Amino acid sequence: MFFDIAELDLGRSYKLLSSCITPRPIAWVVTRSDDGRCNAAPFSLFNFFGGYPPVVCLGIGEREGESKDTLRNIEASGDFVINLVPADLAEAMNITATAFEPHVDELAMANLQTEECRHVAVPRIKGSPITLECRMRQVIDLDTSGVMLLANVLGVHVDDDAVVNRERCYIDAARLQLIGRMESPGWYTRTQDRFKLKIAAPHDFSNAERA
């Protein structure tokens, strides 16, 4: 079945793509406003797009035609933190997805504790096995659907139990127990079930043809 995007509105286009492109990693973003209040919110339009310098990308939509607190805070200070979501913090993450008023501290509502970061004046969520300290690089307007925000990663906090070799940056991702976003609304998946495939070399196919 073919879906012509030109025949869809924003809501149906988002529903279609978010149901097809799965699982998606979740960026649990913490920001701080000018008056020092913290904001936390999850975003599943997220990934990394550059190895060095490392660059991450976030898709941030609007709420009732207005910029979300997350975007306003990032544009004001430039700094923010991305926490990846482990299965045991899924319920807390879901609480922070609530459309609270700007003065509400989502971290407090979800009973989350925080720790200081090294390079940014924004706290990270205690209990997240992976945290990225980020600084805004560029904001690209996406017409009516929101913006695409690019940021440089200044530092990465990794749970000690998941580090196999620090010097070679080997991380055992299975130990992170992360969750990913599936189709909307409200569906998630765990990442414990994995399998491995070896990438073939061109000569592997040449040998098969001669056989």
N, C-alpha and C. Protein backbone atom coordinates (compact mmCIF):
# COMPACT_ATOMS: atom_id res chain seq x y z
N MET A 1 0.84 -1.19 0.00
CA MET A 1 0.00 0.00 0.00
C MET A 1 0.88 1.24 0.00
N PHE A 2 0.57 2.19 -0.85
CA PHE A 2 1.36 3.40 -0.97
C PHE A 2 0.65 4.56 -0.31
N PHE A 3 1.41 5.35 0.49
CA PHE A 3 0.89 6.55 1.12
C PHE A 3 1.58 7.76 0.50
N ASP A 4 0.83 8.61 -0.15
CA ASP A 4 1.37 9.83 -0.73
C ASP A 4 1.35 10.91 0.34
N ILE A 5 2.52 11.38 0.76
CA ILE A 5 2.60 12.36 1.85
C ILE A 5 1.85 13.63 1.51
N ALA A 6 1.79 13.98 0.22
CA ALA A 6 1.11 15.20 -0.19
C ALA A 6 -0.39 15.13 0.11
N GLU A 7 -0.91 13.92 0.31
CA GLU A 7 -2.33 13.75 0.59
C GLU A 7 -2.63 13.65 2.08
N LEU A 8 -1.59 13.78 2.92
CA LEU A 8 -1.77 13.65 4.36
C LEU A 8 -1.59 14.99 5.06
N ASP A 9 -2.21 15.11 6.23
CA ASP A 9 -1.97 16.28 7.07
C ASP A 9 -0.86 15.95 8.06
N LEU A 10 -0.52 16.93 8.92
CA LEU A 10 0.58 16.75 9.85
C LEU A 10 0.35 15.57 10.78
N GLY A 11 -0.83 15.46 11.33
CA GLY A 11 -1.12 14.40 12.29
C GLY A 11 -0.97 13.02 11.70
N ARG A 12 -1.52 12.82 10.52
CA ARG A 12 -1.46 11.49 9.89
C ARG A 12 -0.07 11.19 9.37
N SER A 13 0.64 12.19 8.90
CA SER A 13 2.01 11.98 8.44
C SER A 13 2.90 11.55 9.59
N TYR A 14 2.77 12.23 10.74
CA TYR A 14 3.56 11.85 11.91
C TYR A 14 3.21 10.45 12.37
N LYS A 15 1.92 10.14 12.41
CA LYS A 15 1.48 8.81 12.86
C LYS A 15 2.05 7.72 11.95
N LEU A 16 2.05 7.96 10.65
CA LEU A 16 2.55 6.98 9.69
C LEU A 16 4.04 6.73 9.91
N LEU A 17 4.84 7.79 9.94
CA LEU A 17 6.29 7.63 10.04
C LEU A 17 6.70 7.09 11.40
N SER A 18 6.03 7.55 12.47
CA SER A 18 6.40 7.07 13.80
C SER A 18 6.01 5.61 14.01
N SER A 19 5.08 5.12 13.23
CA SER A 19 4.71 3.70 13.30
C SER A 19 5.63 2.83 12.45
N CYS A 20 6.26 3.42 11.45
CA CYS A 20 7.11 2.66 10.53
C CYS A 20 8.58 2.63 10.96
N ILE A 21 9.06 3.74 11.47
CA ILE A 21 10.48 3.84 11.81
C ILE A 21 10.64 3.52 13.30
N THR A 22 10.84 2.26 13.57
CA THR A 22 10.95 1.78 14.95
C THR A 22 12.01 0.69 15.04
N PRO A 23 12.55 0.42 16.23
CA PRO A 23 12.40 1.23 17.44
C PRO A 23 13.24 2.49 17.36
N ARG A 24 12.84 3.50 18.10
CA ARG A 24 13.57 4.77 18.11
C ARG A 24 14.16 5.01 19.50
N PRO A 25 15.42 5.41 19.58
CA PRO A 25 15.99 5.74 20.89
C PRO A 25 15.29 6.95 21.48
N ILE A 26 15.28 7.03 22.78
CA ILE A 26 14.59 8.12 23.48
C ILE A 26 15.61 9.05 24.10
N ALA A 27 15.52 10.32 23.73
CA ALA A 27 16.34 11.35 24.36
C ALA A 27 15.54 11.97 25.49
N TRP A 28 15.95 11.67 26.71
CA TRP A 28 15.29 12.23 27.90
C TRP A 28 16.03 13.51 28.23
N VAL A 29 15.49 14.63 27.79
CA VAL A 29 16.23 15.89 27.78
C VAL A 29 15.97 16.71 29.05
N VAL A 30 17.06 17.12 29.68
CA VAL A 30 16.97 18.02 30.83
C VAL A 30 17.55 19.37 30.43
N THR A 31 16.79 20.43 30.71
CA THR A 31 17.25 21.79 30.45
C THR A 31 17.05 22.63 31.71
N ARG A 32 17.58 23.85 31.68
CA ARG A 32 17.41 24.76 32.82
C ARG A 32 17.03 26.13 32.28
N SER A 33 16.00 26.72 32.87
CA SER A 33 15.54 28.04 32.44
C SER A 33 16.42 29.15 33.01
N ASP A 34 16.17 30.39 32.57
CA ASP A 34 16.96 31.52 33.04
C ASP A 34 16.85 31.71 34.56
N ASP A 35 15.69 31.35 35.13
CA ASP A 35 15.52 31.54 36.57
C ASP A 35 15.92 30.30 37.37
N GLY A 36 16.59 29.33 36.70
CA GLY A 36 17.15 28.20 37.41
C GLY A 36 16.27 26.98 37.55
N ARG A 37 15.06 27.01 36.98
CA ARG A 37 14.17 25.86 37.08
C ARG A 37 14.53 24.82 36.03
N CYS A 38 14.50 23.57 36.44
CA CYS A 38 14.81 22.48 35.52
C CYS A 38 13.56 21.98 34.83
N ASN A 39 13.75 21.51 33.62
CA ASN A 39 12.68 20.92 32.84
C ASN A 39 13.18 19.59 32.30
N ALA A 40 12.31 18.59 32.29
CA ALA A 40 12.67 17.28 31.75
C ALA A 40 11.56 16.80 30.83
N ALA A 41 11.94 16.28 29.66
CA ALA A 41 10.95 15.80 28.70
C ALA A 41 11.59 14.79 27.76
N PRO A 42 10.85 13.73 27.37
CA PRO A 42 11.39 12.73 26.45
C PRO A 42 11.06 13.07 24.99
N PHE A 43 12.01 12.76 24.10
CA PHE A 43 11.84 12.97 22.67
C PHE A 43 12.35 11.73 21.94
N SER A 44 11.52 11.19 21.03
CA SER A 44 11.94 9.98 20.31
C SER A 44 12.36 10.26 18.87
N LEU A 45 12.36 11.52 18.46
CA LEU A 45 12.95 11.87 17.17
C LEU A 45 14.39 12.30 17.47
N PHE A 46 15.25 11.29 17.56
CA PHE A 46 16.59 11.53 18.10
C PHE A 46 17.57 10.47 17.60
N ASN A 47 18.79 10.92 17.30
CA ASN A 47 19.89 10.00 17.01
C ASN A 47 21.19 10.79 16.90
N PHE A 48 22.30 10.09 16.63
CA PHE A 48 23.55 10.81 16.44
C PHE A 48 23.98 10.70 14.98
N PHE A 49 24.62 11.76 14.49
CA PHE A 49 24.89 11.88 13.06
C PHE A 49 26.32 12.26 12.74
N GLY A 50 27.19 12.20 13.71
CA GLY A 50 28.58 12.49 13.45
C GLY A 50 29.44 11.90 14.54
N GLY A 51 30.55 11.27 14.14
CA GLY A 51 31.40 10.61 15.11
C GLY A 51 32.40 11.53 15.79
N TYR A 52 33.04 12.44 15.02
CA TYR A 52 34.00 13.36 15.63
C TYR A 52 34.10 14.63 14.80
N PRO A 53 33.69 15.77 15.34
CA PRO A 53 33.08 15.88 16.66
C PRO A 53 31.69 15.22 16.66
N PRO A 54 31.32 14.58 17.77
CA PRO A 54 30.02 13.92 17.80
C PRO A 54 28.88 14.92 17.76
N VAL A 55 27.93 14.66 16.89
CA VAL A 55 26.77 15.53 16.72
C VAL A 55 25.50 14.71 16.90
N VAL A 56 24.59 15.22 17.71
CA VAL A 56 23.29 14.58 17.88
C VAL A 56 22.21 15.49 17.32
N CYS A 57 21.09 14.89 17.01
CA CYS A 57 19.98 15.64 16.41
C CYS A 57 18.69 15.32 17.15
N LEU A 58 17.91 16.36 17.43
CA LEU A 58 16.60 16.22 18.08
C LEU A 58 15.54 16.86 17.22
N GLY A 59 14.41 16.18 17.07
CA GLY A 59 13.24 16.78 16.46
C GLY A 59 12.33 17.26 17.57
N ILE A 60 12.06 18.56 17.63
CA ILE A 60 11.23 19.13 18.70
C ILE A 60 10.01 19.80 18.08
N GLY A 61 8.85 19.24 18.35
CA GLY A 61 7.62 19.80 17.82
C GLY A 61 7.11 20.97 18.65
N GLU A 62 6.02 21.56 18.18
CA GLU A 62 5.41 22.67 18.90
C GLU A 62 4.25 22.16 19.74
N ARG A 63 3.84 22.96 20.70
CA ARG A 63 2.65 22.65 21.50
C ARG A 63 1.68 23.80 21.36
N GLU A 64 0.57 23.53 20.68
CA GLU A 64 -0.45 24.54 20.43
C GLU A 64 0.14 25.79 19.78
N GLY A 65 1.02 25.55 18.81
CA GLY A 65 1.60 26.65 18.04
C GLY A 65 2.73 27.39 18.72
N GLU A 66 3.11 26.97 19.91
CA GLU A 66 4.19 27.62 20.66
C GLU A 66 5.37 26.68 20.85
N SER A 67 6.56 27.27 21.00
CA SER A 67 7.75 26.46 21.26
C SER A 67 7.63 25.79 22.63
N LYS A 68 8.13 24.57 22.73
CA LYS A 68 8.12 23.88 24.01
C LYS A 68 9.19 24.47 24.94
N ASP A 69 8.99 24.22 26.25
CA ASP A 69 9.95 24.72 27.24
C ASP A 69 11.36 24.25 26.92
N THR A 70 11.48 23.01 26.47
CA THR A 70 12.80 22.46 26.16
C THR A 70 13.54 23.32 25.16
N LEU A 71 12.88 23.66 24.07
CA LEU A 71 13.53 24.46 23.02
C LEU A 71 13.85 25.86 23.52
N ARG A 72 12.93 26.48 24.23
CA ARG A 72 13.18 27.84 24.73
C ARG A 72 14.39 27.86 25.66
N ASN A 73 14.47 26.87 26.53
CA ASN A 73 15.60 26.82 27.46
C ASN A 73 16.93 26.60 26.74
N ILE A 74 16.92 25.71 25.74
CA ILE A 74 18.15 25.43 25.00
C ILE A 74 18.59 26.66 24.22
N GLU A 75 17.65 27.33 23.57
CA GLU A 75 18.01 28.51 22.80
C GLU A 75 18.53 29.63 23.70
N ALA A 76 18.06 29.68 24.94
CA ALA A 76 18.49 30.74 25.85
C ALA A 76 19.90 30.50 26.38
N SER A 77 20.21 29.26 26.74
CA SER A 77 21.50 28.98 27.37
C SER A 77 22.48 28.24 26.47
N GLY A 78 21.94 27.47 25.52
CA GLY A 78 22.79 26.68 24.62
C GLY A 78 23.11 25.30 25.15
N ASP A 79 22.92 25.06 26.46
CA ASP A 79 23.32 23.80 27.06
C ASP A 79 22.12 22.94 27.43
N PHE A 80 22.30 21.62 27.32
CA PHE A 80 21.28 20.69 27.77
C PHE A 80 21.91 19.31 27.94
N VAL A 81 21.14 18.40 28.51
CA VAL A 81 21.63 17.05 28.78
C VAL A 81 20.63 16.05 28.20
N ILE A 82 21.16 15.03 27.52
CA ILE A 82 20.35 13.92 27.04
C ILE A 82 20.65 12.70 27.89
N ASN A 83 19.62 12.17 28.52
CA ASN A 83 19.73 10.94 29.29
C ASN A 83 19.02 9.83 28.52
N LEU A 84 19.65 8.67 28.38
CA LEU A 84 18.96 7.55 27.77
C LEU A 84 18.17 6.83 28.86
N VAL A 85 17.10 6.15 28.45
CA VAL A 85 16.11 5.66 29.40
C VAL A 85 16.24 4.15 29.64
N PRO A 86 16.59 3.75 30.86
CA PRO A 86 16.59 2.32 31.19
C PRO A 86 15.19 1.86 31.54
N ALA A 87 14.96 0.55 31.46
CA ALA A 87 13.63 0.01 31.69
C ALA A 87 13.10 0.35 33.07
N ASP A 88 13.97 0.39 34.08
CA ASP A 88 13.48 0.63 35.43
C ASP A 88 13.10 2.09 35.69
N LEU A 89 13.36 2.98 34.73
CA LEU A 89 12.93 4.37 34.86
C LEU A 89 11.86 4.73 33.83
N ALA A 90 11.26 3.73 33.20
CA ALA A 90 10.25 3.98 32.16
C ALA A 90 9.05 4.75 32.72
N GLU A 91 8.58 4.36 33.89
CA GLU A 91 7.42 5.04 34.48
C GLU A 91 7.74 6.49 34.80
N ALA A 92 8.93 6.73 35.32
CA ALA A 92 9.33 8.11 35.63
C ALA A 92 9.43 8.93 34.35
N MET A 93 10.01 8.33 33.30
CA MET A 93 10.08 9.03 32.02
C MET A 93 8.69 9.39 31.52
N ASN A 94 7.74 8.47 31.68
CA ASN A 94 6.38 8.70 31.21
C ASN A 94 5.73 9.87 31.96
N ILE A 95 6.04 10.01 33.24
CA ILE A 95 5.50 11.14 34.01
C ILE A 95 6.02 12.46 33.45
N THR A 96 7.29 12.50 33.08
CA THR A 96 7.86 13.75 32.56
C THR A 96 7.34 14.10 31.17
N ALA A 97 6.66 13.16 30.52
CA ALA A 97 6.06 13.45 29.21
C ALA A 97 4.74 14.21 29.35
N THR A 98 4.24 14.34 30.58
CA THR A 98 2.99 15.05 30.83
C THR A 98 3.13 16.53 30.47
N ALA A 99 2.08 17.10 29.90
CA ALA A 99 2.11 18.51 29.48
C ALA A 99 1.85 19.43 30.67
N PHE A 100 2.80 19.45 31.60
CA PHE A 100 2.68 20.33 32.76
C PHE A 100 2.84 21.80 32.35
N GLU A 101 2.41 22.70 33.24
CA GLU A 101 2.65 24.12 33.04
C GLU A 101 4.14 24.42 33.18
N PRO A 102 4.63 25.51 32.57
CA PRO A 102 6.08 25.79 32.56
C PRO A 102 6.71 25.87 33.95
N HIS A 103 5.96 26.26 34.97
CA HIS A 103 6.55 26.43 36.30
C HIS A 103 6.73 25.11 37.05
N VAL A 104 6.19 23.99 36.50
CA VAL A 104 6.24 22.71 37.19
C VAL A 104 7.58 22.02 36.91
N ASP A 105 8.21 21.50 37.96
CA ASP A 105 9.47 20.77 37.86
C ASP A 105 9.15 19.29 37.62
N GLU A 106 9.33 18.83 36.39
CA GLU A 106 9.01 17.44 36.06
C GLU A 106 9.88 16.45 36.82
N LEU A 107 11.11 16.83 37.10
CA LEU A 107 12.01 15.95 37.86
C LEU A 107 11.45 15.68 39.25
N ALA A 108 10.92 16.71 39.88
CA ALA A 108 10.32 16.55 41.20
C ALA A 108 9.04 15.74 41.12
N MET A 109 8.24 15.98 40.10
CA MET A 109 7.00 15.24 39.95
C MET A 109 7.25 13.75 39.80
N ALA A 110 8.35 13.38 39.14
CA ALA A 110 8.69 11.98 38.92
C ALA A 110 9.61 11.41 39.99
N ASN A 111 9.87 12.20 41.04
CA ASN A 111 10.74 11.77 42.14
C ASN A 111 12.13 11.34 41.66
N LEU A 112 12.68 12.12 40.74
CA LEU A 112 13.98 11.82 40.17
C LEU A 112 15.07 12.63 40.85
N GLN A 113 16.19 11.99 41.12
CA GLN A 113 17.34 12.68 41.66
C GLN A 113 18.30 13.02 40.52
N THR A 114 19.11 14.04 40.74
CA THR A 114 20.04 14.48 39.69
C THR A 114 21.46 14.55 40.23
N GLU A 115 22.39 14.63 39.29
CA GLU A 115 23.81 14.80 39.61
C GLU A 115 24.38 15.89 38.71
N GLU A 116 25.45 16.53 39.16
CA GLU A 116 26.06 17.60 38.38
C GLU A 116 26.78 17.05 37.16
N CYS A 117 26.88 17.90 36.14
CA CYS A 117 27.63 17.56 34.93
C CYS A 117 29.00 18.23 34.98
N ARG A 118 29.85 17.89 34.02
CA ARG A 118 31.22 18.43 34.00
C ARG A 118 31.33 19.73 33.19
N HIS A 119 30.64 19.76 32.01
CA HIS A 119 30.83 20.87 31.08
C HIS A 119 29.62 21.78 30.93
N VAL A 120 28.47 21.37 31.40
CA VAL A 120 27.27 22.19 31.25
C VAL A 120 26.63 22.42 32.61
N ALA A 121 25.97 23.57 32.75
CA ALA A 121 25.33 23.93 34.02
C ALA A 121 23.90 23.41 34.08
N VAL A 122 23.75 22.16 33.70
CA VAL A 122 22.45 21.49 33.70
C VAL A 122 22.68 20.12 34.36
N PRO A 123 21.80 19.70 35.26
CA PRO A 123 22.01 18.41 35.92
C PRO A 123 21.62 17.23 35.02
N ARG A 124 22.18 16.07 35.35
CA ARG A 124 21.81 14.84 34.67
C ARG A 124 20.98 13.97 35.60
N ILE A 125 20.21 13.07 35.03
CA ILE A 125 19.32 12.23 35.82
C ILE A 125 20.10 11.07 36.42
N LYS A 126 20.07 10.96 37.74
CA LYS A 126 20.71 9.86 38.42
C LYS A 126 19.94 8.58 38.13
N GLY A 127 20.64 7.54 37.71
CA GLY A 127 19.98 6.30 37.35
C GLY A 127 19.95 6.05 35.86
N SER A 128 20.18 7.09 35.07
CA SER A 128 20.32 6.89 33.63
C SER A 128 21.72 6.34 33.36
N PRO A 129 21.83 5.22 32.65
CA PRO A 129 23.15 4.62 32.44
C PRO A 129 24.00 5.33 31.40
N ILE A 130 23.37 6.17 30.59
CA ILE A 130 24.09 6.95 29.57
C ILE A 130 23.59 8.39 29.61
N THR A 131 24.51 9.32 29.75
CA THR A 131 24.15 10.74 29.72
C THR A 131 25.09 11.47 28.78
N LEU A 132 24.52 12.32 27.94
CA LEU A 132 25.30 13.12 27.00
C LEU A 132 25.20 14.59 27.39
N GLU A 133 26.34 15.21 27.65
CA GLU A 133 26.38 16.64 27.89
C GLU A 133 26.47 17.35 26.54
N CYS A 134 25.50 18.21 26.26
CA CYS A 134 25.36 18.76 24.90
C CYS A 134 25.35 20.28 24.89
N ARG A 135 25.81 20.83 23.76
CA ARG A 135 25.74 22.26 23.52
C ARG A 135 25.16 22.50 22.11
N MET A 136 24.19 23.37 22.05
CA MET A 136 23.48 23.65 20.79
C MET A 136 24.44 24.08 19.69
N ARG A 137 24.22 23.53 18.51
CA ARG A 137 25.03 23.85 17.35
C ARG A 137 24.22 24.63 16.31
N GLN A 138 23.02 24.17 16.02
CA GLN A 138 22.20 24.79 14.99
C GLN A 138 20.74 24.39 15.18
N VAL A 139 19.84 25.31 14.87
CA VAL A 139 18.40 25.02 14.88
C VAL A 139 17.87 25.24 13.48
N ILE A 140 17.23 24.23 12.93
CA ILE A 140 16.69 24.29 11.57
C ILE A 140 15.17 24.26 11.64
N ASP A 141 14.52 25.29 11.11
CA ASP A 141 13.07 25.36 11.13
C ASP A 141 12.48 24.34 10.15
N LEU A 142 11.48 23.59 10.61
CA LEU A 142 10.82 22.59 9.77
C LEU A 142 9.38 22.99 9.48
N ASP A 143 9.19 24.24 9.13
CA ASP A 143 7.87 24.78 8.79
C ASP A 143 6.90 24.60 9.95
N THR A 144 5.77 23.92 9.73
CA THR A 144 4.73 23.86 10.75
C THR A 144 4.95 22.75 11.78
N SER A 145 5.89 21.84 11.54
CA SER A 145 6.02 20.69 12.43
C SER A 145 6.98 20.89 13.59
N GLY A 146 7.73 21.98 13.59
CA GLY A 146 8.68 22.22 14.67
C GLY A 146 10.06 22.49 14.14
N VAL A 147 11.09 22.06 14.88
CA VAL A 147 12.46 22.33 14.49
C VAL A 147 13.30 21.07 14.60
N MET A 148 14.43 21.08 13.92
CA MET A 148 15.46 20.07 14.09
C MET A 148 16.64 20.75 14.74
N LEU A 149 17.03 20.25 15.90
CA LEU A 149 18.10 20.86 16.67
C LEU A 149 19.34 19.99 16.61
N LEU A 150 20.45 20.55 16.19
CA LEU A 150 21.73 19.86 16.15
C LEU A 150 22.59 20.35 17.30
N ALA A 151 23.32 19.43 17.92
CA ALA A 151 24.16 19.80 19.06
C ALA A 151 25.44 19.00 19.07
N ASN A 152 26.49 19.61 19.61
CA ASN A 152 27.75 18.90 19.85
C ASN A 152 27.70 18.21 21.21
N VAL A 153 28.25 17.02 21.26
CA VAL A 153 28.37 16.29 22.52
C VAL A 153 29.71 16.63 23.15
N LEU A 154 29.68 17.18 24.36
CA LEU A 154 30.89 17.61 25.04
C LEU A 154 31.47 16.53 25.96
N GLY A 155 30.61 15.62 26.39
CA GLY A 155 31.06 14.56 27.28
C GLY A 155 29.99 13.51 27.43
N VAL A 156 30.40 12.29 27.77
CA VAL A 156 29.48 11.16 27.90
C VAL A 156 29.72 10.47 29.24
N HIS A 157 28.66 10.34 30.02
CA HIS A 157 28.70 9.57 31.26
C HIS A 157 28.15 8.18 30.97
N VAL A 158 28.92 7.13 31.31
CA VAL A 158 28.51 5.75 31.08
C VAL A 158 28.57 4.99 32.39
N ASP A 159 27.53 4.23 32.68
CA ASP A 159 27.52 3.39 33.88
C ASP A 159 28.75 2.49 33.89
N ASP A 160 29.46 2.45 35.01
CA ASP A 160 30.70 1.68 35.11
C ASP A 160 30.51 0.22 34.73
N ASP A 161 29.38 -0.37 35.11
CA ASP A 161 29.15 -1.79 34.84
C ASP A 161 29.06 -2.11 33.35
N ALA A 162 28.81 -1.09 32.53
CA ALA A 162 28.66 -1.33 31.10
C ALA A 162 29.95 -1.09 30.32
N VAL A 163 30.99 -0.58 30.99
CA VAL A 163 32.25 -0.28 30.30
C VAL A 163 33.13 -1.53 30.31
N VAL A 164 33.38 -2.05 29.12
CA VAL A 164 34.22 -3.24 28.98
C VAL A 164 35.69 -2.86 28.88
N ASN A 165 35.98 -1.83 28.08
CA ASN A 165 37.36 -1.37 27.90
C ASN A 165 37.34 0.14 27.73
N ARG A 166 37.81 0.86 28.76
CA ARG A 166 37.73 2.31 28.72
C ARG A 166 38.59 2.91 27.62
N GLU A 167 39.81 2.43 27.46
CA GLU A 167 40.73 3.00 26.49
C GLU A 167 40.22 2.85 25.07
N ARG A 168 39.60 1.71 24.77
CA ARG A 168 39.09 1.46 23.42
C ARG A 168 37.61 1.81 23.28
N CYS A 169 37.03 2.34 24.36
CA CYS A 169 35.62 2.76 24.37
C CYS A 169 34.67 1.63 24.01
N TYR A 170 34.93 0.44 24.52
CA TYR A 170 34.03 -0.69 24.32
C TYR A 170 32.96 -0.67 25.41
N ILE A 171 31.71 -0.59 24.99
CA ILE A 171 30.58 -0.56 25.89
C ILE A 171 29.69 -1.77 25.63
N ASP A 172 29.29 -2.46 26.67
CA ASP A 172 28.37 -3.59 26.54
C ASP A 172 26.95 -3.04 26.62
N ALA A 173 26.35 -2.79 25.47
CA ALA A 173 25.04 -2.14 25.42
C ALA A 173 23.95 -2.98 26.08
N ALA A 174 24.12 -4.31 26.10
CA ALA A 174 23.10 -5.16 26.71
C ALA A 174 22.93 -4.86 28.19
N ARG A 175 23.99 -4.41 28.85
CA ARG A 175 23.92 -4.12 30.28
C ARG A 175 23.18 -2.81 30.58
N LEU A 176 22.94 -2.01 29.57
CA LEU A 176 22.29 -0.72 29.79
C LEU A 176 20.79 -0.87 30.03
N GLN A 177 20.20 -1.96 29.53
CA GLN A 177 18.76 -2.23 29.73
C GLN A 177 17.91 -1.06 29.24
N LEU A 178 18.26 -0.51 28.07
CA LEU A 178 17.53 0.65 27.55
C LEU A 178 16.20 0.24 26.92
N ILE A 179 15.31 1.22 26.79
CA ILE A 179 14.06 1.01 26.08
C ILE A 179 14.03 1.92 24.86
N GLY A 180 13.19 1.56 23.88
CA GLY A 180 13.02 2.36 22.67
C GLY A 180 11.55 2.62 22.44
N ARG A 181 11.27 3.61 21.63
CA ARG A 181 9.90 3.99 21.32
C ARG A 181 9.41 3.22 20.11
N MET A 182 8.20 2.69 20.23
CA MET A 182 7.54 2.03 19.11
C MET A 182 6.46 2.95 18.55
N GLU A 183 5.40 2.38 18.00
CA GLU A 183 4.36 3.21 17.41
C GLU A 183 3.63 3.99 18.49
N SER A 184 3.06 5.12 18.10
CA SER A 184 2.31 5.94 19.04
C SER A 184 0.88 5.43 19.13
N PRO A 185 0.19 5.69 20.25
CA PRO A 185 0.73 6.29 21.47
C PRO A 185 1.09 5.23 22.51
N GLY A 186 2.14 5.49 23.25
CA GLY A 186 2.43 4.74 24.45
C GLY A 186 3.10 3.40 24.33
N TRP A 187 3.56 3.01 23.14
CA TRP A 187 4.20 1.70 22.99
C TRP A 187 5.71 1.83 23.02
N TYR A 188 6.34 0.91 23.77
CA TYR A 188 7.79 0.90 23.91
C TYR A 188 8.31 -0.53 23.75
N THR A 189 9.61 -0.65 23.60
CA THR A 189 10.22 -1.97 23.51
C THR A 189 11.50 -2.00 24.33
N ARG A 190 11.85 -3.18 24.82
CA ARG A 190 13.11 -3.37 25.52
C ARG A 190 14.17 -3.84 24.52
N THR A 191 15.44 -3.68 24.89
CA THR A 191 16.51 -3.97 23.93
C THR A 191 17.35 -5.18 24.33
N GLN A 192 16.82 -6.04 25.22
CA GLN A 192 17.62 -7.19 25.64
C GLN A 192 17.77 -8.24 24.54
N ASP A 193 16.78 -8.41 23.69
CA ASP A 193 16.79 -9.46 22.67
C ASP A 193 17.65 -9.01 21.49
N ARG A 194 18.85 -9.60 21.37
CA ARG A 194 19.77 -9.18 20.31
C ARG A 194 20.26 -10.39 19.54
N PHE A 195 20.74 -10.15 18.32
CA PHE A 195 21.45 -11.18 17.56
C PHE A 195 22.56 -10.49 16.78
N LYS A 196 23.54 -11.27 16.38
CA LYS A 196 24.72 -10.71 15.74
C LYS A 196 24.90 -11.28 14.36
N LEU A 197 25.26 -10.42 13.41
CA LEU A 197 25.57 -10.83 12.04
C LEU A 197 26.97 -10.34 11.68
N LYS A 198 27.73 -11.18 11.02
CA LYS A 198 29.05 -10.80 10.56
C LYS A 198 28.93 -10.11 9.21
N ILE A 199 29.59 -8.97 9.07
CA ILE A 199 29.58 -8.26 7.79
C ILE A 199 30.54 -8.96 6.84
N ALA A 200 30.03 -9.35 5.69
CA ALA A 200 30.84 -10.09 4.72
C ALA A 200 31.80 -9.17 3.99
N ALA A 201 32.91 -9.73 3.57
CA ALA A 201 33.88 -9.03 2.72
C ALA A 201 33.61 -9.39 1.26
N PRO A 202 33.98 -8.51 0.32
CA PRO A 202 33.72 -8.81 -1.09
C PRO A 202 34.29 -10.15 -1.55
N HIS A 203 35.46 -10.55 -1.03
CA HIS A 203 36.06 -11.80 -1.48
C HIS A 203 35.25 -13.01 -1.02
N ASP A 204 34.41 -12.84 0.03
CA ASP A 204 33.56 -13.97 0.46
C ASP A 204 32.61 -14.37 -0.66
N PHE A 205 32.12 -13.40 -1.42
CA PHE A 205 31.19 -13.69 -2.50
C PHE A 205 31.92 -14.26 -3.71
N SER A 206 33.13 -13.81 -3.93
CA SER A 206 33.93 -14.34 -5.04
C SER A 206 34.21 -15.82 -4.83
N ASN A 207 34.56 -16.20 -3.63
CA ASN A 207 34.81 -17.61 -3.33
C ASN A 207 33.56 -18.46 -3.51
N ALA A 208 32.40 -17.88 -3.15
CA ALA A 208 31.15 -18.63 -3.29
C ALA A 208 30.82 -18.86 -4.76
N GLU A 209 31.10 -17.88 -5.61
CA GLU A 209 30.81 -18.03 -7.03
C GLU A 209 31.69 -19.09 -7.66
N ARG A 210 32.97 -19.15 -7.24
CA ARG A 210 33.87 -20.17 -7.80
C ARG A 210 33.47 -21.58 -7.35
N ALA A 211 32.90 -21.66 -6.16
CA ALA A 211 32.46 -22.96 -5.67
C ALA A 211 31.27 -23.46 -6.48
